[in-house]
Amino acid sequence: MTDHGAQGSIVRSEVDVKRWAVEPPSIDAVRPRTCPRCSQPGDQPGRRLGLHGHGLRDRQMRGPLQPGGRPTLVVLRIRRYLCQGCRAVVTVLPREAAPYRHYSAPAIAWALALFGVAGLAPAEVRARTSPWAVVGTAAAGAWVSLRRWVGATVSRRLFRRLGCPPRGCSHRRRAGQIATMVSAHAPPTVSGLPIAARAFLGAVHAC
């Protein structure tokens, strides 16, 4: 999965966040096969590297690491590469990452399912998803991130493999529709789990 930004591109690797947190993968381990902007080969036998290592940067990953798990904040050392053809900066993230968002894709799907399917109040959804135990008084009964995630999915900036839920219904109903569609991407072996758990497990395949 690749996302293009103003200054570069983001690529999701097959390395999961738990392994990445223990030790960042080597430069060669997650070097993209090609530049997502100009398609130059990253590492072609017998030729010079097309994507050079371009340092590390810190990136937050928020949310539970498993369905029903305690919300956590993990700071990862993310690898970047510089394309020798078009000079794009390519950032490689763990497979659970939701590009340009601090919360992981599984955490977002989990939150939308709790809100839209389980019918929990925004404050309860936040408590089960966010690592922040203390929030301001004005935000105590709401969580604006839920509305933003629904809007991002409808506009195809999040969970791009889904069909857009219909407009004109409530944010809670849309959240439930999104979570249900994401849950369909979960492995068949977890079909007996609640929708929230299946949405969590299917999120990496729905991005």
N, C-alpha and C. Protein backbone atom coordinates (compact mmCIF):
# COMPACT_ATOMS: atom_id res chain seq x y z
N MET A 1 0.84 -1.19 0.00
CA MET A 1 0.00 0.00 0.00
C MET A 1 0.88 1.24 0.00
N THR A 2 0.58 2.20 -0.91
CA THR A 2 1.37 3.41 -1.04
C THR A 2 0.47 4.62 -0.98
N ASP A 3 0.94 5.66 -0.27
CA ASP A 3 0.26 6.94 -0.24
C ASP A 3 1.23 8.01 -0.66
N HIS A 4 0.75 8.95 -1.50
CA HIS A 4 1.59 10.04 -1.96
C HIS A 4 1.26 11.31 -1.21
N GLY A 5 2.28 11.99 -0.71
CA GLY A 5 2.12 13.27 -0.05
C GLY A 5 2.82 14.35 -0.83
N ALA A 6 2.81 15.57 -0.29
CA ALA A 6 3.41 16.69 -0.99
C ALA A 6 4.91 16.55 -1.12
N GLN A 7 5.56 15.97 -0.11
CA GLN A 7 7.01 15.91 -0.09
C GLN A 7 7.58 14.52 -0.35
N GLY A 8 6.74 13.52 -0.43
CA GLY A 8 7.26 12.18 -0.61
C GLY A 8 6.14 11.17 -0.63
N SER A 9 6.47 9.93 -0.36
CA SER A 9 5.50 8.85 -0.40
C SER A 9 5.65 7.97 0.83
N ILE A 10 4.56 7.31 1.18
CA ILE A 10 4.54 6.40 2.31
C ILE A 10 4.21 5.00 1.82
N VAL A 11 4.98 4.02 2.28
CA VAL A 11 4.78 2.62 1.92
C VAL A 11 4.62 1.82 3.20
N ARG A 12 3.60 0.97 3.26
CA ARG A 12 3.41 0.08 4.39
C ARG A 12 4.13 -1.23 4.11
N SER A 13 4.95 -1.67 5.06
CA SER A 13 5.70 -2.91 4.90
C SER A 13 4.90 -4.09 5.43
N GLU A 14 5.48 -5.27 5.40
CA GLU A 14 4.85 -6.46 5.96
C GLU A 14 5.31 -6.73 7.39
N VAL A 15 6.16 -5.88 7.93
CA VAL A 15 6.64 -6.04 9.31
C VAL A 15 5.59 -5.45 10.25
N ASP A 16 5.19 -6.21 11.26
CA ASP A 16 4.16 -5.70 12.17
C ASP A 16 4.77 -4.81 13.24
N VAL A 17 3.91 -4.08 13.91
CA VAL A 17 4.37 -3.06 14.86
C VAL A 17 5.07 -3.68 16.07
N LYS A 18 4.67 -4.88 16.49
CA LYS A 18 5.30 -5.50 17.64
C LYS A 18 6.76 -5.82 17.35
N ARG A 19 7.02 -6.40 16.17
CA ARG A 19 8.41 -6.70 15.81
C ARG A 19 9.21 -5.43 15.59
N TRP A 20 8.58 -4.43 14.97
CA TRP A 20 9.26 -3.17 14.70
C TRP A 20 9.66 -2.47 15.99
N ALA A 21 8.77 -2.54 17.01
CA ALA A 21 9.05 -1.88 18.27
C ALA A 21 10.24 -2.50 19.00
N VAL A 22 10.41 -3.81 18.85
CA VAL A 22 11.55 -4.49 19.49
C VAL A 22 12.85 -4.05 18.85
N GLU A 23 12.88 -4.02 17.53
CA GLU A 23 14.07 -3.61 16.80
C GLU A 23 13.67 -3.15 15.40
N PRO A 24 14.00 -1.92 15.00
CA PRO A 24 13.68 -1.48 13.65
C PRO A 24 14.31 -2.41 12.62
N PRO A 25 13.60 -2.75 11.56
CA PRO A 25 14.18 -3.63 10.54
C PRO A 25 15.37 -2.96 9.86
N SER A 26 16.24 -3.76 9.29
CA SER A 26 17.43 -3.23 8.63
C SER A 26 17.03 -2.46 7.37
N ILE A 27 17.98 -1.69 6.85
CA ILE A 27 17.72 -0.92 5.63
C ILE A 27 17.30 -1.84 4.50
N ASP A 28 18.01 -2.97 4.34
CA ASP A 28 17.70 -3.87 3.25
C ASP A 28 16.38 -4.60 3.44
N ALA A 29 15.99 -4.85 4.69
CA ALA A 29 14.80 -5.67 4.96
C ALA A 29 13.51 -5.01 4.49
N VAL A 30 13.41 -3.70 4.56
CA VAL A 30 12.16 -3.03 4.18
C VAL A 30 12.34 -2.04 3.03
N ARG A 31 13.49 -2.15 2.33
CA ARG A 31 13.68 -1.27 1.16
C ARG A 31 12.59 -1.58 0.13
N PRO A 32 11.82 -0.58 -0.32
CA PRO A 32 10.78 -0.84 -1.33
C PRO A 32 11.38 -1.39 -2.62
N ARG A 33 10.61 -2.24 -3.28
CA ARG A 33 11.10 -2.82 -4.54
C ARG A 33 11.28 -1.76 -5.61
N THR A 34 10.37 -0.79 -5.62
CA THR A 34 10.46 0.31 -6.58
C THR A 34 10.07 1.61 -5.90
N CYS A 35 10.49 2.71 -6.47
CA CYS A 35 10.05 4.02 -5.99
C CYS A 35 8.57 4.18 -6.34
N PRO A 36 7.72 4.49 -5.37
CA PRO A 36 6.30 4.62 -5.66
C PRO A 36 5.96 5.82 -6.54
N ARG A 37 6.91 6.73 -6.72
CA ARG A 37 6.65 7.89 -7.57
C ARG A 37 7.09 7.68 -9.01
N CYS A 38 8.31 7.19 -9.21
CA CYS A 38 8.84 7.08 -10.58
C CYS A 38 9.10 5.65 -11.02
N SER A 39 8.85 4.68 -10.14
CA SER A 39 9.00 3.25 -10.44
C SER A 39 10.44 2.79 -10.63
N GLN A 40 11.41 3.61 -10.23
CA GLN A 40 12.81 3.16 -10.31
C GLN A 40 13.02 2.00 -9.35
N PRO A 41 13.70 0.91 -9.78
CA PRO A 41 13.95 -0.22 -8.88
C PRO A 41 14.72 0.20 -7.64
N GLY A 42 14.30 -0.31 -6.49
CA GLY A 42 15.01 0.02 -5.26
C GLY A 42 16.34 -0.69 -5.15
N ASP A 43 16.37 -1.95 -5.54
CA ASP A 43 17.60 -2.74 -5.45
C ASP A 43 17.56 -3.78 -6.56
N GLN A 44 18.23 -3.50 -7.65
CA GLN A 44 18.24 -4.40 -8.79
C GLN A 44 19.61 -5.04 -8.93
N PRO A 45 19.70 -6.39 -8.94
CA PRO A 45 21.00 -7.06 -9.03
C PRO A 45 21.84 -6.53 -10.21
N GLY A 46 23.11 -6.26 -9.91
CA GLY A 46 24.02 -5.81 -10.95
C GLY A 46 23.95 -4.34 -11.26
N ARG A 47 23.08 -3.60 -10.54
CA ARG A 47 22.96 -2.16 -10.78
C ARG A 47 23.06 -1.41 -9.46
N ARG A 48 23.30 -0.12 -9.53
CA ARG A 48 23.39 0.70 -8.33
C ARG A 48 22.02 0.78 -7.65
N LEU A 49 22.05 0.94 -6.34
CA LEU A 49 20.80 1.07 -5.59
C LEU A 49 20.00 2.27 -6.09
N GLY A 50 18.71 2.06 -6.27
CA GLY A 50 17.84 3.15 -6.68
C GLY A 50 17.24 3.90 -5.51
N LEU A 51 17.15 3.22 -4.36
CA LEU A 51 16.61 3.84 -3.14
C LEU A 51 17.66 3.72 -2.04
N HIS A 52 18.24 4.85 -1.67
CA HIS A 52 19.26 4.87 -0.63
C HIS A 52 18.62 5.12 0.73
N GLY A 53 19.17 4.49 1.78
CA GLY A 53 18.73 4.79 3.13
C GLY A 53 18.86 6.28 3.41
N HIS A 54 17.83 6.85 4.02
CA HIS A 54 17.78 8.31 4.25
C HIS A 54 17.49 8.62 5.72
N GLY A 55 17.97 7.76 6.59
CA GLY A 55 17.86 8.04 8.02
C GLY A 55 16.59 7.50 8.66
N LEU A 56 16.49 7.74 9.95
CA LEU A 56 15.35 7.30 10.75
C LEU A 56 14.64 8.52 11.34
N ARG A 57 13.37 8.35 11.62
CA ARG A 57 12.65 9.40 12.32
C ARG A 57 11.65 8.75 13.27
N ASP A 58 11.33 9.44 14.34
CA ASP A 58 10.37 8.91 15.31
C ASP A 58 8.94 9.08 14.81
N ARG A 59 8.12 8.09 15.11
CA ARG A 59 6.70 8.17 14.76
C ARG A 59 5.88 7.48 15.83
N GLN A 60 4.81 8.13 16.24
CA GLN A 60 3.92 7.55 17.24
C GLN A 60 2.96 6.56 16.59
N MET A 61 2.60 5.53 17.36
CA MET A 61 1.54 4.60 16.99
C MET A 61 0.67 4.43 18.23
N ARG A 62 -0.59 4.85 18.13
CA ARG A 62 -1.49 4.83 19.28
C ARG A 62 -2.57 3.79 19.10
N GLY A 63 -3.05 3.29 20.25
CA GLY A 63 -4.16 2.34 20.25
C GLY A 63 -3.76 1.00 20.80
N PRO A 64 -4.75 0.13 21.05
CA PRO A 64 -4.43 -1.23 21.55
C PRO A 64 -3.70 -2.03 20.49
N LEU A 65 -2.87 -2.96 20.93
CA LEU A 65 -2.12 -3.82 20.01
C LEU A 65 -2.86 -5.11 19.69
N GLN A 66 -3.98 -5.34 20.37
CA GLN A 66 -4.82 -6.50 20.09
C GLN A 66 -6.25 -6.16 20.48
N PRO A 67 -7.25 -6.84 19.94
CA PRO A 67 -8.64 -6.52 20.28
C PRO A 67 -8.87 -6.60 21.78
N GLY A 68 -9.39 -5.53 22.35
CA GLY A 68 -9.65 -5.50 23.78
C GLY A 68 -8.44 -5.25 24.63
N GLY A 69 -7.28 -5.06 24.01
CA GLY A 69 -6.06 -4.82 24.77
C GLY A 69 -6.00 -3.41 25.35
N ARG A 70 -5.06 -3.19 26.23
CA ARG A 70 -4.90 -1.87 26.84
C ARG A 70 -4.37 -0.89 25.80
N PRO A 71 -4.99 0.29 25.67
CA PRO A 71 -4.47 1.28 24.73
C PRO A 71 -3.04 1.68 25.09
N THR A 72 -2.20 1.76 24.09
CA THR A 72 -0.79 2.08 24.32
C THR A 72 -0.34 3.16 23.35
N LEU A 73 0.80 3.72 23.66
CA LEU A 73 1.49 4.64 22.74
C LEU A 73 2.88 4.08 22.53
N VAL A 74 3.18 3.72 21.29
CA VAL A 74 4.48 3.17 20.93
C VAL A 74 5.19 4.18 20.04
N VAL A 75 6.44 4.49 20.36
CA VAL A 75 7.24 5.37 19.52
C VAL A 75 8.21 4.50 18.72
N LEU A 76 8.08 4.54 17.42
CA LEU A 76 8.86 3.70 16.52
C LEU A 76 9.91 4.52 15.79
N ARG A 77 11.01 3.87 15.45
CA ARG A 77 12.04 4.47 14.61
C ARG A 77 11.77 4.04 13.17
N ILE A 78 11.24 4.96 12.39
CA ILE A 78 10.77 4.67 11.04
C ILE A 78 11.87 4.92 10.02
N ARG A 79 11.97 4.02 9.04
CA ARG A 79 13.01 4.15 8.01
C ARG A 79 12.52 5.00 6.83
N ARG A 80 13.48 5.79 6.28
CA ARG A 80 13.19 6.58 5.09
C ARG A 80 14.24 6.28 4.02
N TYR A 81 13.85 6.47 2.79
CA TYR A 81 14.72 6.21 1.65
C TYR A 81 14.64 7.40 0.68
N LEU A 82 15.74 7.64 -0.02
CA LEU A 82 15.79 8.71 -1.00
C LEU A 82 15.96 8.10 -2.39
N CYS A 83 15.02 8.40 -3.28
CA CYS A 83 15.08 7.87 -4.64
C CYS A 83 16.16 8.62 -5.41
N GLN A 84 17.02 7.85 -6.06
CA GLN A 84 18.12 8.45 -6.83
C GLN A 84 17.65 8.91 -8.22
N GLY A 85 16.41 8.59 -8.56
CA GLY A 85 15.88 9.02 -9.84
C GLY A 85 15.12 10.33 -9.74
N CYS A 86 14.05 10.34 -8.93
CA CYS A 86 13.19 11.53 -8.83
C CYS A 86 13.41 12.32 -7.56
N ARG A 87 14.27 11.83 -6.66
CA ARG A 87 14.62 12.48 -5.39
C ARG A 87 13.46 12.50 -4.40
N ALA A 88 12.47 11.66 -4.60
CA ALA A 88 11.38 11.56 -3.62
C ALA A 88 11.89 10.91 -2.35
N VAL A 89 11.36 11.34 -1.22
CA VAL A 89 11.64 10.72 0.08
C VAL A 89 10.53 9.71 0.36
N VAL A 90 10.91 8.46 0.53
CA VAL A 90 9.94 7.38 0.74
C VAL A 90 10.03 6.92 2.18
N THR A 91 8.93 6.97 2.88
CA THR A 91 8.87 6.54 4.28
C THR A 91 8.20 5.17 4.36
N VAL A 92 8.83 4.25 5.07
CA VAL A 92 8.29 2.89 5.20
C VAL A 92 7.78 2.69 6.62
N LEU A 93 6.55 2.23 6.74
CA LEU A 93 5.87 2.07 8.03
C LEU A 93 5.51 0.61 8.29
N PRO A 94 5.20 0.27 9.55
CA PRO A 94 4.70 -1.08 9.86
C PRO A 94 3.37 -1.33 9.16
N ARG A 95 2.99 -2.56 9.03
CA ARG A 95 1.78 -2.93 8.28
C ARG A 95 0.51 -2.37 8.89
N GLU A 96 0.49 -2.13 10.20
CA GLU A 96 -0.73 -1.63 10.85
C GLU A 96 -0.91 -0.12 10.73
N ALA A 97 0.08 0.57 10.22
CA ALA A 97 0.04 2.03 10.20
C ALA A 97 -1.07 2.54 9.28
N ALA A 98 -1.71 3.61 9.73
CA ALA A 98 -2.64 4.36 8.87
C ALA A 98 -1.90 5.63 8.48
N PRO A 99 -1.46 5.75 7.22
CA PRO A 99 -0.64 6.89 6.81
C PRO A 99 -1.24 8.23 7.22
N TYR A 100 -0.38 9.10 7.74
CA TYR A 100 -0.72 10.46 8.16
C TYR A 100 -1.61 10.50 9.40
N ARG A 101 -1.70 9.38 10.15
CA ARG A 101 -2.51 9.35 11.36
C ARG A 101 -1.71 8.72 12.49
N HIS A 102 -1.92 9.23 13.69
CA HIS A 102 -1.20 8.72 14.85
C HIS A 102 -1.77 7.38 15.32
N TYR A 103 -3.06 7.17 15.15
CA TYR A 103 -3.66 5.90 15.56
C TYR A 103 -3.46 4.85 14.47
N SER A 104 -3.27 3.61 14.88
CA SER A 104 -3.10 2.53 13.91
C SER A 104 -4.42 2.26 13.21
N ALA A 105 -4.34 1.63 12.04
CA ALA A 105 -5.56 1.26 11.32
C ALA A 105 -6.43 0.30 12.13
N PRO A 106 -5.85 -0.72 12.80
CA PRO A 106 -6.69 -1.58 13.65
C PRO A 106 -7.38 -0.81 14.77
N ALA A 107 -6.68 0.14 15.38
CA ALA A 107 -7.28 0.92 16.47
C ALA A 107 -8.44 1.76 15.96
N ILE A 108 -8.30 2.33 14.76
CA ILE A 108 -9.37 3.14 14.18
C ILE A 108 -10.59 2.27 13.89
N ALA A 109 -10.37 1.11 13.28
CA ALA A 109 -11.48 0.21 12.98
C ALA A 109 -12.16 -0.26 14.26
N TRP A 110 -11.38 -0.55 15.27
CA TRP A 110 -11.89 -0.95 16.59
C TRP A 110 -12.79 0.14 17.16
N ALA A 111 -12.31 1.39 17.13
CA ALA A 111 -13.08 2.50 17.68
C ALA A 111 -14.39 2.71 16.92
N LEU A 112 -14.34 2.63 15.60
CA LEU A 112 -15.56 2.81 14.81
C LEU A 112 -16.57 1.71 15.09
N ALA A 113 -16.08 0.49 15.32
CA ALA A 113 -17.00 -0.61 15.64
C ALA A 113 -17.63 -0.43 17.02
N LEU A 114 -16.84 -0.02 17.98
CA LEU A 114 -17.39 0.23 19.32
C LEU A 114 -18.45 1.32 19.29
N PHE A 115 -18.21 2.34 18.47
CA PHE A 115 -19.13 3.47 18.37
C PHE A 115 -20.35 3.12 17.52
N GLY A 116 -20.11 2.55 16.34
CA GLY A 116 -21.20 2.36 15.40
C GLY A 116 -21.95 1.05 15.51
N VAL A 117 -21.31 0.01 16.03
CA VAL A 117 -21.95 -1.31 16.14
C VAL A 117 -22.35 -1.59 17.58
N ALA A 118 -21.40 -1.45 18.50
CA ALA A 118 -21.70 -1.70 19.91
C ALA A 118 -22.51 -0.57 20.54
N GLY A 119 -22.50 0.62 19.91
CA GLY A 119 -23.31 1.73 20.40
C GLY A 119 -22.76 2.42 21.64
N LEU A 120 -21.46 2.28 21.89
CA LEU A 120 -20.88 2.92 23.07
C LEU A 120 -20.80 4.43 22.89
N ALA A 121 -20.83 5.13 24.00
CA ALA A 121 -20.69 6.59 23.98
C ALA A 121 -19.27 6.94 23.56
N PRO A 122 -19.09 8.10 22.91
CA PRO A 122 -17.75 8.50 22.48
C PRO A 122 -16.71 8.48 23.60
N ALA A 123 -17.10 8.89 24.79
CA ALA A 123 -16.15 8.90 25.90
C ALA A 123 -15.67 7.48 26.24
N GLU A 124 -16.58 6.51 26.16
CA GLU A 124 -16.21 5.12 26.45
C GLU A 124 -15.33 4.56 25.33
N VAL A 125 -15.66 4.93 24.09
CA VAL A 125 -14.82 4.50 22.96
C VAL A 125 -13.41 5.05 23.12
N ARG A 126 -13.31 6.31 23.49
CA ARG A 126 -12.00 6.92 23.70
C ARG A 126 -11.23 6.17 24.79
N ALA A 127 -11.90 5.84 25.88
CA ALA A 127 -11.24 5.16 27.00
C ALA A 127 -10.69 3.80 26.59
N ARG A 128 -11.34 3.14 25.61
CA ARG A 128 -10.91 1.81 25.18
C ARG A 128 -9.92 1.86 24.01
N THR A 129 -9.68 3.05 23.49
CA THR A 129 -8.82 3.17 22.31
C THR A 129 -7.62 4.08 22.52
N SER A 130 -7.83 5.19 23.23
CA SER A 130 -6.79 6.21 23.38
C SER A 130 -5.90 5.93 24.59
N PRO A 131 -4.58 6.14 24.44
CA PRO A 131 -3.68 5.96 25.58
C PRO A 131 -3.73 7.11 26.57
N TRP A 132 -4.45 8.20 26.21
CA TRP A 132 -4.49 9.37 27.09
C TRP A 132 -5.61 9.20 28.11
N ALA A 133 -5.26 9.12 29.36
CA ALA A 133 -6.25 8.93 30.43
C ALA A 133 -6.91 10.24 30.83
N VAL A 134 -6.25 11.36 30.58
CA VAL A 134 -6.77 12.67 30.99
C VAL A 134 -7.10 13.48 29.75
N VAL A 135 -8.34 14.01 29.69
CA VAL A 135 -8.75 14.87 28.58
C VAL A 135 -9.36 16.14 29.16
N GLY A 136 -9.44 17.18 28.35
CA GLY A 136 -10.02 18.44 28.80
C GLY A 136 -11.51 18.31 29.06
N THR A 137 -12.05 19.23 29.84
CA THR A 137 -13.47 19.20 30.20
C THR A 137 -14.36 19.26 28.97
N ALA A 138 -14.00 20.10 28.01
CA ALA A 138 -14.83 20.28 26.81
C ALA A 138 -14.89 19.01 25.97
N ALA A 139 -13.84 18.17 26.05
CA ALA A 139 -13.78 16.96 25.23
C ALA A 139 -14.22 15.72 25.98
N ALA A 140 -14.62 15.87 27.24
CA ALA A 140 -14.90 14.70 28.07
C ALA A 140 -16.04 13.84 27.52
N GLY A 141 -17.06 14.48 26.92
CA GLY A 141 -18.20 13.72 26.44
C GLY A 141 -18.20 13.47 24.95
N ALA A 142 -17.14 13.84 24.25
CA ALA A 142 -17.10 13.66 22.81
C ALA A 142 -15.70 13.23 22.39
N TRP A 143 -15.60 12.80 21.14
CA TRP A 143 -14.29 12.47 20.58
C TRP A 143 -14.33 12.80 19.10
N VAL A 144 -13.78 13.94 18.76
CA VAL A 144 -13.86 14.45 17.39
C VAL A 144 -13.17 13.52 16.39
N SER A 145 -12.23 12.69 16.86
CA SER A 145 -11.54 11.77 15.96
C SER A 145 -12.51 10.80 15.27
N LEU A 146 -13.56 10.39 15.94
CA LEU A 146 -14.53 9.48 15.34
C LEU A 146 -15.15 10.10 14.09
N ARG A 147 -15.55 11.36 14.20
CA ARG A 147 -16.14 12.06 13.06
C ARG A 147 -15.11 12.20 11.93
N ARG A 148 -13.86 12.50 12.30
CA ARG A 148 -12.82 12.66 11.28
C ARG A 148 -12.54 11.35 10.56
N TRP A 149 -12.51 10.24 11.29
CA TRP A 149 -12.23 8.95 10.66
C TRP A 149 -13.35 8.54 9.72
N VAL A 150 -14.59 8.81 10.11
CA VAL A 150 -15.71 8.53 9.22
C VAL A 150 -15.59 9.35 7.95
N GLY A 151 -15.31 10.64 8.10
CA GLY A 151 -15.17 11.52 6.94
C GLY A 151 -14.03 11.11 6.04
N ALA A 152 -12.92 10.69 6.63
CA ALA A 152 -11.77 10.28 5.84
C ALA A 152 -12.06 9.00 5.05
N THR A 153 -12.86 8.10 5.62
CA THR A 153 -13.22 6.88 4.91
C THR A 153 -14.17 7.19 3.76
N VAL A 154 -15.14 8.05 4.00
CA VAL A 154 -16.10 8.42 2.96
C VAL A 154 -15.38 9.09 1.79
N SER A 155 -14.35 9.89 2.09
CA SER A 155 -13.62 10.60 1.03
C SER A 155 -12.46 9.77 0.46
N ARG A 156 -12.38 8.50 0.85
CA ARG A 156 -11.40 7.55 0.32
C ARG A 156 -9.97 7.88 0.71
N ARG A 157 -9.79 8.50 1.86
CA ARG A 157 -8.45 8.75 2.38
C ARG A 157 -8.07 7.74 3.45
N LEU A 158 -8.98 6.88 3.81
CA LEU A 158 -8.78 5.87 4.85
C LEU A 158 -9.59 4.65 4.46
N PHE A 159 -9.02 3.46 4.67
CA PHE A 159 -9.68 2.20 4.28
C PHE A 159 -10.15 2.27 2.82
N ARG A 160 -9.18 2.46 1.92
CA ARG A 160 -9.50 2.71 0.52
C ARG A 160 -10.06 1.51 -0.23
N ARG A 161 -9.95 0.33 0.35
CA ARG A 161 -10.48 -0.86 -0.34
C ARG A 161 -11.97 -1.06 -0.09
N LEU A 162 -12.57 -0.17 0.66
CA LEU A 162 -13.99 -0.29 0.96
C LEU A 162 -14.81 0.54 -0.01
N GLY A 163 -16.05 0.11 -0.22
CA GLY A 163 -17.00 0.99 -0.89
C GLY A 163 -17.45 2.05 0.09
N CYS A 164 -17.76 3.23 -0.39
CA CYS A 164 -18.15 4.32 0.50
C CYS A 164 -19.54 4.06 1.08
N PRO A 165 -19.70 4.23 2.39
CA PRO A 165 -21.05 4.13 2.97
C PRO A 165 -21.91 5.28 2.47
N PRO A 166 -23.21 5.11 2.41
CA PRO A 166 -24.07 6.17 1.86
C PRO A 166 -24.02 7.45 2.70
N ARG A 167 -24.09 8.57 2.01
CA ARG A 167 -24.16 9.85 2.70
C ARG A 167 -25.59 10.07 3.19
N GLY A 168 -25.75 11.05 4.07
CA GLY A 168 -27.09 11.39 4.50
C GLY A 168 -27.57 10.63 5.71
N CYS A 169 -26.71 9.83 6.34
CA CYS A 169 -27.09 9.15 7.58
C CYS A 169 -26.18 9.64 8.69
N SER A 170 -26.46 9.27 9.92
CA SER A 170 -25.70 9.77 11.06
C SER A 170 -24.28 9.24 11.05
N HIS A 171 -23.40 9.94 11.76
CA HIS A 171 -22.02 9.49 11.88
C HIS A 171 -21.94 8.13 12.57
N ARG A 172 -22.81 7.90 13.54
CA ARG A 172 -22.79 6.60 14.22
C ARG A 172 -23.16 5.47 13.25
N ARG A 173 -24.17 5.70 12.42
CA ARG A 173 -24.57 4.67 11.48
C ARG A 173 -23.47 4.44 10.44
N ARG A 174 -22.87 5.51 9.96
CA ARG A 174 -21.77 5.36 9.00
C ARG A 174 -20.61 4.60 9.63
N ALA A 175 -20.30 4.93 10.89
CA ALA A 175 -19.21 4.23 11.58
C ALA A 175 -19.50 2.74 11.64
N GLY A 176 -20.75 2.38 11.91
CA GLY A 176 -21.12 0.97 11.96
C GLY A 176 -20.98 0.29 10.61
N GLN A 177 -21.37 0.99 9.55
CA GLN A 177 -21.24 0.43 8.21
C GLN A 177 -19.77 0.21 7.84
N ILE A 178 -18.94 1.20 8.16
CA ILE A 178 -17.51 1.08 7.87
C ILE A 178 -16.91 -0.10 8.63
N ALA A 179 -17.21 -0.18 9.92
CA ALA A 179 -16.66 -1.26 10.74
C ALA A 179 -17.09 -2.63 10.22
N THR A 180 -18.34 -2.73 9.80
CA THR A 180 -18.84 -4.01 9.29
C THR A 180 -18.11 -4.39 8.00
N MET A 181 -17.89 -3.41 7.12
CA MET A 181 -17.17 -3.70 5.88
C MET A 181 -15.71 -4.06 6.15
N VAL A 182 -15.09 -3.39 7.10
CA VAL A 182 -13.71 -3.72 7.45
C VAL A 182 -13.64 -5.12 8.04
N SER A 183 -14.61 -5.47 8.85
CA SER A 183 -14.60 -6.80 9.49
C SER A 183 -14.65 -7.93 8.47
N ALA A 184 -15.21 -7.65 7.28
CA ALA A 184 -15.27 -8.67 6.23
C ALA A 184 -13.89 -9.01 5.68
N HIS A 185 -12.89 -8.17 5.97
CA HIS A 185 -11.52 -8.43 5.51
C HIS A 185 -10.71 -9.25 6.52
N ALA A 186 -11.32 -9.59 7.65
CA ALA A 186 -10.61 -10.39 8.65
C ALA A 186 -10.46 -11.83 8.16
N PRO A 187 -9.47 -12.56 8.67
CA PRO A 187 -9.28 -13.95 8.26
C PRO A 187 -10.52 -14.80 8.60
N PRO A 188 -10.85 -15.78 7.78
CA PRO A 188 -12.02 -16.64 8.04
C PRO A 188 -11.94 -17.35 9.39
N THR A 189 -10.75 -17.57 9.88
CA THR A 189 -10.59 -18.30 11.14
C THR A 189 -11.14 -17.56 12.34
N VAL A 190 -11.41 -16.25 12.20
CA VAL A 190 -11.92 -15.48 13.35
C VAL A 190 -13.37 -15.09 13.14
N SER A 191 -14.07 -15.83 12.28
CA SER A 191 -15.45 -15.47 11.94
C SER A 191 -16.39 -15.50 13.14
N GLY A 192 -16.02 -16.22 14.19
CA GLY A 192 -16.88 -16.31 15.36
C GLY A 192 -16.72 -15.17 16.36
N LEU A 193 -15.76 -14.30 16.14
CA LEU A 193 -15.51 -13.19 17.05
C LEU A 193 -16.51 -12.06 16.82
N PRO A 194 -16.71 -11.18 17.80
CA PRO A 194 -17.57 -10.02 17.61
C PRO A 194 -17.05 -9.13 16.48
N ILE A 195 -17.93 -8.30 15.92
CA ILE A 195 -17.55 -7.44 14.80
C ILE A 195 -16.39 -6.53 15.16
N ALA A 196 -16.36 -6.00 16.38
CA ALA A 196 -15.28 -5.08 16.77
C ALA A 196 -13.92 -5.77 16.67
N ALA A 197 -13.83 -7.02 17.13
CA ALA A 197 -12.58 -7.76 17.05
C ALA A 197 -12.22 -8.08 15.61
N ARG A 198 -13.23 -8.45 14.81
CA ARG A 198 -12.96 -8.76 13.40
C ARG A 198 -12.57 -7.51 12.63
N ALA A 199 -13.15 -6.37 12.98
CA ALA A 199 -12.76 -5.11 12.34
C ALA A 199 -11.31 -4.79 12.66
N PHE A 200 -10.91 -5.01 13.90
CA PHE A 200 -9.51 -4.78 14.31
C PHE A 200 -8.58 -5.64 13.47
N LEU A 201 -8.92 -6.92 13.32
CA LEU A 201 -8.05 -7.87 12.62
C LEU A 201 -8.10 -7.72 11.10
N GLY A 202 -9.18 -7.13 10.59
CA GLY A 202 -9.30 -6.96 9.16
C GLY A 202 -8.77 -5.63 8.65
N ALA A 203 -8.44 -4.73 9.56
CA ALA A 203 -8.09 -3.36 9.16
C ALA A 203 -6.86 -3.31 8.26
N VAL A 204 -5.85 -4.13 8.55
CA VAL A 204 -4.62 -4.05 7.74
C VAL A 204 -4.87 -4.49 6.30
N HIS A 205 -5.93 -5.26 6.07
CA HIS A 205 -6.24 -5.73 4.72
C HIS A 205 -7.22 -4.80 4.01
N ALA A 206 -7.79 -3.86 4.74
CA ALA A 206 -8.79 -2.94 4.15
C ALA A 206 -8.19 -1.59 3.79
N CYS A 207 -6.93 -1.37 4.15
CA CYS A 207 -6.30 -0.08 3.87
C CYS A 207 -5.87 0.02 2.41
